[in-house]
Amino acid sequence: MNFSDIGSALLVHLQIVFTGILFGCLIGIPVGSLLREHKTISQIIFTIVDIIQTVPTLAMFTFLMLIFGLNNSTVIFSIFLYSLFPIVRNTYTGIKEVDKGVIRAGRGIGMTEMQIYFKLELPLAMPVILSGVRLALITALSIATTGVLIGAGGLGMLVWRGIQTRNIRMMLSGAIPVSLLAIMFDILLSTLEKRIGRRSK
């Protein structure tokens, strides 16, 4: 096992994780934003994402691989589905918690609803939204690791090969980078949340 193999596995792992999270943000943030004015629909959507969140990873893989096959796409779509829960809920919560006085002030100076959303609501809610993205990202790192069970690449492949061959060094070469990535992204996004939070006050 050399650094080239670890580097290649790391790049595949990050590609899987970030693609799934990107789709989660592209869908989850607009959905969470739209739900702020639709209480009944929001309860239905939250129930759906809650149910998705409770589905075991292997059960999700088993279902999705019937559609996408044994490859990275199954893991990416799984990450997308699991990321909806924290991203949608935190987006909804963040925007609902924006001071109504700020919204009224925006309308008072002639801002349109779109301007209010992009210039007031979204920036002020961003720390809470990022908190949801951070949770989704850390969870995705773990999900991507188990993706090796359905033929996906990434660091999970090193862990699995290490287990099969009883090679502790190979197993750790996959497990340690995943742990370090989780810690690194947690610190980076937590710091970003705090900075944005201070600026929005």
N, C-alpha and C. Protein backbone atom coordinates (compact mmCIF):
# COMPACT_ATOMS: atom_id res chain seq x y z
N MET A 1 0.85 -1.20 0.00
CA MET A 1 0.00 0.00 0.00
C MET A 1 0.88 1.24 0.00
N ASN A 2 0.76 2.09 -1.02
CA ASN A 2 1.57 3.30 -1.10
C ASN A 2 0.69 4.53 -1.04
N PHE A 3 1.34 5.70 -0.99
CA PHE A 3 0.60 6.96 -0.87
C PHE A 3 -0.24 7.25 -2.10
N SER A 4 0.18 6.74 -3.25
CA SER A 4 -0.58 6.95 -4.48
C SER A 4 -1.96 6.28 -4.39
N ASP A 5 -1.97 5.05 -3.86
CA ASP A 5 -3.24 4.32 -3.70
C ASP A 5 -4.16 5.03 -2.71
N ILE A 6 -3.56 5.50 -1.60
CA ILE A 6 -4.35 6.21 -0.59
C ILE A 6 -4.89 7.51 -1.17
N GLY A 7 -4.03 8.22 -1.92
CA GLY A 7 -4.46 9.49 -2.53
C GLY A 7 -5.60 9.30 -3.51
N SER A 8 -5.51 8.25 -4.33
CA SER A 8 -6.57 7.97 -5.30
C SER A 8 -7.88 7.64 -4.60
N ALA A 9 -7.78 6.81 -3.54
CA ALA A 9 -8.98 6.44 -2.78
C ALA A 9 -9.58 7.66 -2.10
N LEU A 10 -8.71 8.54 -1.61
CA LEU A 10 -9.18 9.76 -0.95
C LEU A 10 -9.94 10.66 -1.91
N LEU A 11 -9.42 10.81 -3.13
CA LEU A 11 -10.08 11.66 -4.13
C LEU A 11 -11.45 11.11 -4.51
N VAL A 12 -11.52 9.79 -4.69
CA VAL A 12 -12.81 9.16 -5.02
C VAL A 12 -13.79 9.34 -3.87
N HIS A 13 -13.31 9.18 -2.65
CA HIS A 13 -14.14 9.33 -1.46
C HIS A 13 -14.73 10.75 -1.38
N LEU A 14 -13.87 11.73 -1.58
CA LEU A 14 -14.32 13.13 -1.52
C LEU A 14 -15.28 13.45 -2.65
N GLN A 15 -15.02 12.88 -3.82
CA GLN A 15 -15.91 13.11 -4.95
C GLN A 15 -17.32 12.58 -4.65
N ILE A 16 -17.39 11.38 -4.09
CA ILE A 16 -18.68 10.79 -3.74
C ILE A 16 -19.41 11.65 -2.70
N VAL A 17 -18.67 12.03 -1.66
CA VAL A 17 -19.27 12.79 -0.57
C VAL A 17 -19.76 14.16 -1.04
N PHE A 18 -18.90 14.90 -1.72
CA PHE A 18 -19.25 16.26 -2.11
C PHE A 18 -20.34 16.29 -3.19
N THR A 19 -20.36 15.30 -4.06
CA THR A 19 -21.43 15.26 -5.06
C THR A 19 -22.79 15.05 -4.39
N GLY A 20 -22.83 14.11 -3.45
CA GLY A 20 -24.08 13.86 -2.73
C GLY A 20 -24.53 15.07 -1.93
N ILE A 21 -23.59 15.71 -1.23
CA ILE A 21 -23.92 16.89 -0.43
C ILE A 21 -24.32 18.07 -1.31
N LEU A 22 -23.67 18.21 -2.46
CA LEU A 22 -24.02 19.30 -3.38
C LEU A 22 -25.47 19.18 -3.82
N PHE A 23 -25.87 17.98 -4.22
CA PHE A 23 -27.27 17.77 -4.61
C PHE A 23 -28.20 18.00 -3.42
N GLY A 24 -27.76 17.60 -2.23
CA GLY A 24 -28.55 17.84 -1.03
C GLY A 24 -28.78 19.32 -0.79
N CYS A 25 -27.75 20.13 -1.00
CA CYS A 25 -27.88 21.58 -0.82
C CYS A 25 -28.74 22.20 -1.92
N LEU A 26 -28.54 21.76 -3.16
CA LEU A 26 -29.28 22.32 -4.29
C LEU A 26 -30.78 22.05 -4.17
N ILE A 27 -31.15 20.94 -3.57
CA ILE A 27 -32.56 20.60 -3.37
C ILE A 27 -33.04 21.02 -1.99
N GLY A 28 -32.25 20.73 -0.97
CA GLY A 28 -32.68 20.94 0.41
C GLY A 28 -32.87 22.39 0.80
N ILE A 29 -31.95 23.26 0.38
CA ILE A 29 -32.07 24.67 0.77
C ILE A 29 -33.29 25.34 0.15
N PRO A 30 -33.53 25.19 -1.17
CA PRO A 30 -34.76 25.77 -1.74
C PRO A 30 -36.03 25.19 -1.12
N VAL A 31 -36.04 23.87 -0.87
CA VAL A 31 -37.23 23.25 -0.28
C VAL A 31 -37.47 23.78 1.13
N GLY A 32 -36.42 23.82 1.94
CA GLY A 32 -36.55 24.36 3.29
C GLY A 32 -36.99 25.81 3.30
N SER A 33 -36.55 26.56 2.31
CA SER A 33 -36.94 27.97 2.21
C SER A 33 -38.40 28.12 1.84
N LEU A 34 -38.86 27.32 0.91
CA LEU A 34 -40.25 27.41 0.46
C LEU A 34 -41.23 26.97 1.54
N LEU A 35 -40.80 26.07 2.41
CA LEU A 35 -41.70 25.53 3.44
C LEU A 35 -42.06 26.55 4.52
N ARG A 36 -41.30 27.64 4.60
CA ARG A 36 -41.53 28.60 5.68
C ARG A 36 -42.91 29.23 5.64
N GLU A 37 -43.53 29.24 4.47
CA GLU A 37 -44.86 29.84 4.34
C GLU A 37 -45.96 28.80 4.17
N HIS A 38 -45.62 27.52 4.29
CA HIS A 38 -46.60 26.46 4.07
C HIS A 38 -46.52 25.45 5.21
N LYS A 39 -47.23 25.72 6.28
CA LYS A 39 -47.13 24.89 7.48
C LYS A 39 -47.59 23.46 7.25
N THR A 40 -48.71 23.28 6.55
CA THR A 40 -49.24 21.94 6.33
C THR A 40 -48.30 21.11 5.47
N ILE A 41 -47.84 21.72 4.38
CA ILE A 41 -46.92 21.01 3.48
C ILE A 41 -45.61 20.72 4.19
N SER A 42 -45.15 21.65 5.03
CA SER A 42 -43.89 21.44 5.74
C SER A 42 -43.96 20.22 6.65
N GLN A 43 -45.10 20.00 7.28
CA GLN A 43 -45.26 18.83 8.15
C GLN A 43 -45.15 17.53 7.34
N ILE A 44 -45.71 17.55 6.12
CA ILE A 44 -45.65 16.37 5.26
C ILE A 44 -44.20 16.11 4.81
N ILE A 45 -43.53 17.16 4.39
CA ILE A 45 -42.14 17.03 3.91
C ILE A 45 -41.24 16.57 5.04
N PHE A 46 -41.41 17.15 6.24
CA PHE A 46 -40.59 16.75 7.38
C PHE A 46 -40.82 15.29 7.75
N THR A 47 -42.06 14.85 7.63
CA THR A 47 -42.36 13.44 7.91
C THR A 47 -41.62 12.53 6.93
N ILE A 48 -41.61 12.94 5.66
CA ILE A 48 -40.93 12.14 4.62
C ILE A 48 -39.44 12.06 4.88
N VAL A 49 -38.80 13.22 5.15
CA VAL A 49 -37.34 13.21 5.38
C VAL A 49 -37.00 12.52 6.70
N ASP A 50 -37.91 12.60 7.66
CA ASP A 50 -37.70 11.87 8.92
C ASP A 50 -37.68 10.36 8.67
N ILE A 51 -38.60 9.90 7.83
CA ILE A 51 -38.67 8.47 7.52
C ILE A 51 -37.41 8.02 6.78
N ILE A 52 -36.98 8.83 5.82
CA ILE A 52 -35.76 8.51 5.07
C ILE A 52 -34.57 8.38 6.01
N GLN A 53 -34.51 9.29 6.99
CA GLN A 53 -33.39 9.30 7.92
C GLN A 53 -33.34 8.03 8.77
N THR A 54 -34.48 7.40 9.01
CA THR A 54 -34.52 6.21 9.87
C THR A 54 -34.22 4.91 9.12
N VAL A 55 -34.15 4.99 7.79
CA VAL A 55 -33.87 3.78 7.01
C VAL A 55 -32.40 3.40 7.18
N PRO A 56 -32.10 2.17 7.58
CA PRO A 56 -30.70 1.75 7.73
C PRO A 56 -29.92 1.89 6.42
N THR A 57 -28.65 2.21 6.52
CA THR A 57 -27.83 2.46 5.33
C THR A 57 -27.83 1.28 4.38
N LEU A 58 -27.64 0.08 4.90
CA LEU A 58 -27.59 -1.10 4.04
C LEU A 58 -28.93 -1.35 3.34
N ALA A 59 -30.01 -1.05 4.03
CA ALA A 59 -31.33 -1.21 3.42
C ALA A 59 -31.50 -0.20 2.29
N MET A 60 -31.01 1.02 2.51
CA MET A 60 -31.06 2.05 1.47
C MET A 60 -30.23 1.63 0.27
N PHE A 61 -29.02 1.13 0.54
CA PHE A 61 -28.15 0.66 -0.54
C PHE A 61 -28.83 -0.44 -1.36
N THR A 62 -29.45 -1.39 -0.64
CA THR A 62 -30.09 -2.53 -1.30
C THR A 62 -31.19 -2.07 -2.23
N PHE A 63 -31.97 -1.11 -1.79
CA PHE A 63 -33.06 -0.60 -2.62
C PHE A 63 -32.53 0.18 -3.82
N LEU A 64 -31.59 1.09 -3.56
CA LEU A 64 -31.11 1.97 -4.63
C LEU A 64 -30.24 1.25 -5.66
N MET A 65 -29.57 0.17 -5.23
CA MET A 65 -28.71 -0.51 -6.21
C MET A 65 -29.55 -1.24 -7.26
N LEU A 66 -30.83 -1.47 -6.97
CA LEU A 66 -31.73 -2.03 -7.99
C LEU A 66 -31.96 -1.03 -9.11
N ILE A 67 -31.78 0.26 -8.78
CA ILE A 67 -31.98 1.33 -9.77
C ILE A 67 -30.67 1.73 -10.43
N PHE A 68 -29.64 1.96 -9.59
CA PHE A 68 -28.38 2.50 -10.08
C PHE A 68 -27.29 1.44 -10.30
N GLY A 69 -27.47 0.26 -9.71
CA GLY A 69 -26.47 -0.78 -9.85
C GLY A 69 -25.41 -0.71 -8.77
N LEU A 70 -24.40 -1.57 -8.89
CA LEU A 70 -23.31 -1.62 -7.91
C LEU A 70 -22.21 -0.65 -8.32
N ASN A 71 -22.36 0.59 -7.93
CA ASN A 71 -21.36 1.60 -8.29
C ASN A 71 -21.48 2.81 -7.36
N ASN A 72 -20.70 3.84 -7.67
CA ASN A 72 -20.68 5.04 -6.83
C ASN A 72 -22.01 5.80 -6.84
N SER A 73 -22.76 5.68 -7.92
CA SER A 73 -24.02 6.44 -8.04
C SER A 73 -25.00 6.08 -6.93
N THR A 74 -25.02 4.81 -6.54
CA THR A 74 -25.91 4.38 -5.46
C THR A 74 -25.56 5.07 -4.15
N VAL A 75 -24.26 5.16 -3.87
CA VAL A 75 -23.81 5.82 -2.63
C VAL A 75 -24.09 7.31 -2.69
N ILE A 76 -23.83 7.93 -3.84
CA ILE A 76 -24.08 9.36 -4.00
C ILE A 76 -25.55 9.70 -3.76
N PHE A 77 -26.45 8.90 -4.34
CA PHE A 77 -27.87 9.17 -4.15
C PHE A 77 -28.30 8.91 -2.72
N SER A 78 -27.69 7.92 -2.08
CA SER A 78 -27.98 7.66 -0.67
C SER A 78 -27.57 8.85 0.19
N ILE A 79 -26.38 9.38 -0.06
CA ILE A 79 -25.90 10.55 0.67
C ILE A 79 -26.83 11.73 0.45
N PHE A 80 -27.27 11.90 -0.79
CA PHE A 80 -28.23 12.97 -1.10
C PHE A 80 -29.49 12.84 -0.26
N LEU A 81 -30.05 11.63 -0.19
CA LEU A 81 -31.29 11.43 0.56
C LEU A 81 -31.09 11.66 2.05
N TYR A 82 -29.99 11.13 2.60
CA TYR A 82 -29.74 11.30 4.04
C TYR A 82 -29.43 12.75 4.39
N SER A 83 -28.87 13.51 3.45
CA SER A 83 -28.51 14.90 3.73
C SER A 83 -29.73 15.82 3.77
N LEU A 84 -30.84 15.37 3.20
CA LEU A 84 -32.03 16.22 3.16
C LEU A 84 -32.56 16.54 4.55
N PHE A 85 -32.49 15.58 5.46
CA PHE A 85 -33.04 15.81 6.81
C PHE A 85 -32.39 17.01 7.50
N PRO A 86 -31.07 17.04 7.69
CA PRO A 86 -30.48 18.19 8.38
C PRO A 86 -30.52 19.48 7.57
N ILE A 87 -30.39 19.37 6.25
CA ILE A 87 -30.33 20.59 5.43
C ILE A 87 -31.70 21.25 5.32
N VAL A 88 -32.73 20.46 5.03
CA VAL A 88 -34.09 21.02 4.92
C VAL A 88 -34.55 21.58 6.26
N ARG A 89 -34.37 20.80 7.32
CA ARG A 89 -34.84 21.24 8.63
C ARG A 89 -34.10 22.48 9.12
N ASN A 90 -32.79 22.52 8.95
CA ASN A 90 -32.03 23.68 9.43
C ASN A 90 -32.29 24.91 8.59
N THR A 91 -32.51 24.73 7.29
CA THR A 91 -32.87 25.87 6.44
C THR A 91 -34.20 26.45 6.87
N TYR A 92 -35.16 25.58 7.07
CA TYR A 92 -36.49 26.01 7.53
C TYR A 92 -36.39 26.73 8.87
N THR A 93 -35.69 26.13 9.82
CA THR A 93 -35.55 26.72 11.16
C THR A 93 -34.82 28.05 11.11
N GLY A 94 -33.72 28.10 10.34
CA GLY A 94 -32.93 29.33 10.26
C GLY A 94 -33.72 30.49 9.70
N ILE A 95 -34.48 30.24 8.65
CA ILE A 95 -35.25 31.32 8.03
C ILE A 95 -36.44 31.73 8.90
N LYS A 96 -37.06 30.75 9.56
CA LYS A 96 -38.18 31.07 10.45
C LYS A 96 -37.74 31.91 11.64
N GLU A 97 -36.46 31.77 12.03
CA GLU A 97 -35.96 32.50 13.19
C GLU A 97 -35.46 33.91 12.86
N VAL A 98 -35.45 34.27 11.58
CA VAL A 98 -35.04 35.62 11.21
C VAL A 98 -36.01 36.63 11.80
N ASP A 99 -35.49 37.66 12.40
CA ASP A 99 -36.30 38.69 13.05
C ASP A 99 -37.32 39.27 12.07
N LYS A 100 -38.60 39.19 12.43
CA LYS A 100 -39.66 39.70 11.56
C LYS A 100 -39.54 41.21 11.35
N GLY A 101 -38.94 41.89 12.33
CA GLY A 101 -38.75 43.33 12.18
C GLY A 101 -37.82 43.65 11.02
N VAL A 102 -36.83 42.81 10.81
CA VAL A 102 -35.92 43.01 9.69
C VAL A 102 -36.65 42.83 8.37
N ILE A 103 -37.54 41.84 8.32
CA ILE A 103 -38.33 41.59 7.11
C ILE A 103 -39.25 42.78 6.82
N ARG A 104 -39.91 43.27 7.86
CA ARG A 104 -40.81 44.42 7.68
C ARG A 104 -40.03 45.65 7.23
N ALA A 105 -38.84 45.81 7.78
CA ALA A 105 -38.01 46.95 7.38
C ALA A 105 -37.63 46.84 5.91
N GLY A 106 -37.33 45.64 5.46
CA GLY A 106 -36.98 45.43 4.06
C GLY A 106 -38.15 45.77 3.14
N ARG A 107 -39.33 45.32 3.53
CA ARG A 107 -40.51 45.65 2.73
C ARG A 107 -40.79 47.15 2.76
N GLY A 108 -40.49 47.76 3.90
CA GLY A 108 -40.74 49.19 4.06
C GLY A 108 -39.90 50.05 3.13
N ILE A 109 -38.72 49.57 2.78
CA ILE A 109 -37.85 50.36 1.88
C ILE A 109 -38.01 49.92 0.42
N GLY A 110 -39.03 49.09 0.17
CA GLY A 110 -39.37 48.74 -1.20
C GLY A 110 -38.69 47.50 -1.76
N MET A 111 -38.12 46.66 -0.91
CA MET A 111 -37.48 45.44 -1.40
C MET A 111 -38.54 44.43 -1.84
N THR A 112 -38.25 43.72 -2.93
CA THR A 112 -39.15 42.67 -3.39
C THR A 112 -38.96 41.43 -2.51
N GLU A 113 -39.86 40.46 -2.66
CA GLU A 113 -39.75 39.22 -1.87
C GLU A 113 -38.46 38.48 -2.18
N MET A 114 -38.05 38.48 -3.44
CA MET A 114 -36.81 37.82 -3.83
C MET A 114 -35.61 38.53 -3.21
N GLN A 115 -35.63 39.86 -3.20
CA GLN A 115 -34.54 40.62 -2.58
C GLN A 115 -34.48 40.37 -1.08
N ILE A 116 -35.64 40.30 -0.46
CA ILE A 116 -35.70 40.01 0.98
C ILE A 116 -35.09 38.64 1.26
N TYR A 117 -35.42 37.68 0.40
CA TYR A 117 -34.92 36.32 0.61
C TYR A 117 -33.40 36.25 0.46
N PHE A 118 -32.89 36.79 -0.66
CA PHE A 118 -31.47 36.66 -0.95
C PHE A 118 -30.58 37.62 -0.17
N LYS A 119 -31.12 38.79 0.20
CA LYS A 119 -30.30 39.79 0.88
C LYS A 119 -30.50 39.83 2.40
N LEU A 120 -31.62 39.28 2.87
CA LEU A 120 -31.89 39.32 4.30
C LEU A 120 -32.04 37.93 4.91
N GLU A 121 -33.05 37.19 4.46
CA GLU A 121 -33.36 35.91 5.09
C GLU A 121 -32.22 34.89 4.95
N LEU A 122 -31.77 34.68 3.73
CA LEU A 122 -30.75 33.66 3.50
C LEU A 122 -29.43 33.98 4.21
N PRO A 123 -28.92 35.22 4.11
CA PRO A 123 -27.67 35.53 4.83
C PRO A 123 -27.80 35.39 6.35
N LEU A 124 -28.94 35.83 6.90
CA LEU A 124 -29.12 35.76 8.35
C LEU A 124 -29.32 34.33 8.83
N ALA A 125 -29.88 33.49 7.97
CA ALA A 125 -30.11 32.09 8.34
C ALA A 125 -28.90 31.22 8.05
N MET A 126 -27.89 31.75 7.38
CA MET A 126 -26.77 30.93 6.92
C MET A 126 -26.03 30.16 8.02
N PRO A 127 -25.80 30.74 9.22
CA PRO A 127 -25.14 29.95 10.27
C PRO A 127 -25.89 28.67 10.62
N VAL A 128 -27.22 28.76 10.70
CA VAL A 128 -28.03 27.58 11.02
C VAL A 128 -28.02 26.60 9.86
N ILE A 129 -28.08 27.12 8.63
CA ILE A 129 -28.03 26.26 7.45
C ILE A 129 -26.71 25.51 7.39
N LEU A 130 -25.61 26.22 7.65
CA LEU A 130 -24.29 25.60 7.63
C LEU A 130 -24.17 24.50 8.69
N SER A 131 -24.85 24.70 9.80
CA SER A 131 -24.85 23.67 10.84
C SER A 131 -25.45 22.37 10.31
N GLY A 132 -26.52 22.50 9.53
CA GLY A 132 -27.14 21.33 8.91
C GLY A 132 -26.24 20.69 7.87
N VAL A 133 -25.57 21.53 7.07
CA VAL A 133 -24.64 21.03 6.06
C VAL A 133 -23.47 20.30 6.73
N ARG A 134 -23.00 20.85 7.84
CA ARG A 134 -21.89 20.22 8.57
C ARG A 134 -22.29 18.82 9.06
N LEU A 135 -23.47 18.72 9.63
CA LEU A 135 -23.95 17.43 10.10
C LEU A 135 -24.09 16.44 8.94
N ALA A 136 -24.64 16.93 7.82
CA ALA A 136 -24.82 16.07 6.65
C ALA A 136 -23.47 15.61 6.10
N LEU A 137 -22.49 16.50 6.08
CA LEU A 137 -21.18 16.18 5.54
C LEU A 137 -20.46 15.13 6.37
N ILE A 138 -20.51 15.28 7.67
CA ILE A 138 -19.84 14.32 8.55
C ILE A 138 -20.51 12.94 8.44
N THR A 139 -21.83 12.92 8.36
CA THR A 139 -22.55 11.66 8.18
C THR A 139 -22.20 11.03 6.84
N ALA A 140 -22.07 11.87 5.81
CA ALA A 140 -21.77 11.39 4.46
C ALA A 140 -20.41 10.70 4.39
N LEU A 141 -19.45 11.18 5.15
CA LEU A 141 -18.13 10.55 5.17
C LEU A 141 -18.22 9.10 5.63
N SER A 142 -19.07 8.86 6.61
CA SER A 142 -19.26 7.50 7.12
C SER A 142 -20.03 6.64 6.12
N ILE A 143 -21.08 7.21 5.52
CA ILE A 143 -21.88 6.47 4.54
C ILE A 143 -21.03 6.06 3.35
N ALA A 144 -20.18 6.99 2.89
CA ALA A 144 -19.31 6.69 1.74
C ALA A 144 -18.35 5.55 2.05
N THR A 145 -17.94 5.44 3.31
CA THR A 145 -17.03 4.37 3.70
C THR A 145 -17.70 3.00 3.59
N THR A 146 -18.97 2.92 3.97
CA THR A 146 -19.69 1.64 3.89
C THR A 146 -20.11 1.31 2.46
N GLY A 147 -19.95 2.28 1.55
CA GLY A 147 -20.32 2.05 0.16
C GLY A 147 -19.52 0.95 -0.51
N VAL A 148 -18.41 0.58 0.08
CA VAL A 148 -17.59 -0.51 -0.47
C VAL A 148 -18.37 -1.82 -0.53
N LEU A 149 -19.38 -1.96 0.31
CA LEU A 149 -20.18 -3.18 0.36
C LEU A 149 -21.01 -3.38 -0.91
N ILE A 150 -21.21 -2.31 -1.68
CA ILE A 150 -21.96 -2.42 -2.93
C ILE A 150 -21.10 -2.04 -4.13
N GLY A 151 -19.80 -2.16 -3.97
CA GLY A 151 -18.90 -1.96 -5.09
C GLY A 151 -18.43 -0.54 -5.33
N ALA A 152 -18.68 0.37 -4.40
CA ALA A 152 -18.22 1.75 -4.56
C ALA A 152 -16.75 1.85 -4.18
N GLY A 153 -16.10 2.88 -4.70
CA GLY A 153 -14.70 3.10 -4.38
C GLY A 153 -14.55 4.00 -3.17
N GLY A 154 -13.35 4.50 -2.98
CA GLY A 154 -13.10 5.39 -1.84
C GLY A 154 -12.28 4.73 -0.76
N LEU A 155 -12.19 5.41 0.36
CA LEU A 155 -11.38 4.92 1.47
C LEU A 155 -11.94 3.64 2.10
N GLY A 156 -13.22 3.42 1.93
CA GLY A 156 -13.82 2.20 2.45
C GLY A 156 -13.22 0.95 1.83
N MET A 157 -12.74 1.09 0.59
CA MET A 157 -12.10 -0.05 -0.09
C MET A 157 -10.85 -0.49 0.66
N LEU A 158 -10.08 0.48 1.15
CA LEU A 158 -8.87 0.14 1.90
C LEU A 158 -9.22 -0.53 3.23
N VAL A 159 -10.26 -0.01 3.88
CA VAL A 159 -10.69 -0.60 5.15
C VAL A 159 -11.15 -2.04 4.93
N TRP A 160 -11.94 -2.26 3.89
CA TRP A 160 -12.48 -3.59 3.62
C TRP A 160 -11.38 -4.59 3.24
N ARG A 161 -10.45 -4.13 2.41
CA ARG A 161 -9.34 -5.02 2.04
C ARG A 161 -8.48 -5.35 3.26
N GLY A 162 -8.30 -4.37 4.12
CA GLY A 162 -7.53 -4.61 5.34
C GLY A 162 -8.19 -5.63 6.24
N ILE A 163 -9.53 -5.55 6.33
CA ILE A 163 -10.27 -6.52 7.16
C ILE A 163 -10.17 -7.92 6.55
N GLN A 164 -10.35 -8.01 5.24
CA GLN A 164 -10.33 -9.30 4.57
C GLN A 164 -8.96 -9.99 4.67
N THR A 165 -7.90 -9.20 4.56
CA THR A 165 -6.54 -9.77 4.58
C THR A 165 -5.90 -9.70 5.97
N ARG A 166 -6.68 -9.20 6.94
CA ARG A 166 -6.16 -9.02 8.30
C ARG A 166 -4.90 -8.15 8.33
N ASN A 167 -4.94 -7.15 7.45
CA ASN A 167 -3.82 -6.22 7.34
C ASN A 167 -4.20 -4.93 8.08
N ILE A 168 -3.72 -4.80 9.32
CA ILE A 168 -4.08 -3.65 10.15
C ILE A 168 -3.61 -2.34 9.52
N ARG A 169 -2.44 -2.37 8.93
CA ARG A 169 -1.89 -1.15 8.31
C ARG A 169 -2.79 -0.66 7.18
N MET A 170 -3.24 -1.59 6.33
CA MET A 170 -4.12 -1.20 5.23
C MET A 170 -5.45 -0.70 5.75
N MET A 171 -5.99 -1.37 6.77
CA MET A 171 -7.27 -0.96 7.34
C MET A 171 -7.18 0.45 7.91
N LEU A 172 -6.09 0.74 8.63
CA LEU A 172 -5.90 2.07 9.22
C LEU A 172 -5.66 3.13 8.16
N SER A 173 -5.06 2.73 7.03
CA SER A 173 -4.79 3.70 5.97
C SER A 173 -6.09 4.23 5.36
N GLY A 174 -7.18 3.49 5.56
CA GLY A 174 -8.49 3.98 5.12
C GLY A 174 -9.27 4.62 6.24
N ALA A 175 -9.19 4.03 7.44
CA ALA A 175 -9.98 4.52 8.57
C ALA A 175 -9.49 5.85 9.11
N ILE A 176 -8.16 6.00 9.22
CA ILE A 176 -7.61 7.23 9.78
C ILE A 176 -7.93 8.46 8.93
N PRO A 177 -7.74 8.41 7.59
CA PRO A 177 -8.11 9.58 6.78
C PRO A 177 -9.58 9.97 6.91
N VAL A 178 -10.48 8.97 7.02
CA VAL A 178 -11.91 9.29 7.18
C VAL A 178 -12.13 10.05 8.48
N SER A 179 -11.51 9.59 9.55
CA SER A 179 -11.65 10.25 10.85
C SER A 179 -11.07 11.67 10.81
N LEU A 180 -9.92 11.81 10.18
CA LEU A 180 -9.28 13.13 10.08
C LEU A 180 -10.12 14.09 9.24
N LEU A 181 -10.71 13.57 8.17
CA LEU A 181 -11.57 14.41 7.34
C LEU A 181 -12.78 14.89 8.12
N ALA A 182 -13.38 13.99 8.90
CA ALA A 182 -14.54 14.37 9.70
C ALA A 182 -14.19 15.46 10.71
N ILE A 183 -13.05 15.32 11.37
CA ILE A 183 -12.61 16.32 12.34
C ILE A 183 -12.31 17.65 11.65
N MET A 184 -11.60 17.57 10.51
CA MET A 184 -11.22 18.78 9.79
C MET A 184 -12.44 19.56 9.30
N PHE A 185 -13.39 18.86 8.68
CA PHE A 185 -14.57 19.55 8.16
C PHE A 185 -15.44 20.08 9.30
N ASP A 186 -15.48 19.37 10.39
CA ASP A 186 -16.25 19.84 11.55
C ASP A 186 -15.67 21.15 12.07
N ILE A 187 -14.36 21.21 12.18
CA ILE A 187 -13.69 22.43 12.67
C ILE A 187 -13.87 23.58 11.68
N LEU A 188 -13.65 23.29 10.39
CA LEU A 188 -13.74 24.34 9.38
C LEU A 188 -15.14 24.94 9.29
N LEU A 189 -16.16 24.07 9.25
CA LEU A 189 -17.52 24.58 9.13
C LEU A 189 -18.01 25.22 10.42
N SER A 190 -17.55 24.72 11.55
CA SER A 190 -17.91 25.34 12.83
C SER A 190 -17.34 26.75 12.90
N THR A 191 -16.10 26.90 12.47
CA THR A 191 -15.45 28.22 12.44
C THR A 191 -16.18 29.16 11.49
N LEU A 192 -16.55 28.64 10.33
CA LEU A 192 -17.27 29.45 9.34
C LEU A 192 -18.63 29.87 9.88
N GLU A 193 -19.33 28.96 10.55
CA GLU A 193 -20.62 29.30 11.16
C GLU A 193 -20.48 30.46 12.13
N LYS A 194 -19.46 30.40 12.99
CA LYS A 194 -19.27 31.44 14.00
C LYS A 194 -18.94 32.78 13.37
N ARG A 195 -18.11 32.77 12.33
CA ARG A 195 -17.74 34.02 11.67
C ARG A 195 -18.94 34.66 10.99
N ILE A 196 -19.73 33.84 10.27
CA ILE A 196 -20.91 34.37 9.60
C ILE A 196 -21.92 34.85 10.63
N GLY A 197 -22.03 34.10 11.74
CA GLY A 197 -22.94 34.49 12.81
C GLY A 197 -22.60 35.84 13.39
N ARG A 198 -21.31 36.10 13.59
CA ARG A 198 -20.89 37.39 14.14
C ARG A 198 -21.16 38.53 13.15
N ARG A 199 -20.95 38.26 11.87
CA ARG A 199 -21.18 39.30 10.86
C ARG A 199 -22.65 39.65 10.69
N SER A 200 -23.52 38.64 10.93
CA SER A 200 -24.96 38.87 10.72
C SER A 200 -25.62 39.54 11.90
N LYS A 201 -24.89 39.73 13.00
CA LYS A 201 -25.48 40.37 14.18
C LYS A 201 -25.38 41.88 14.07
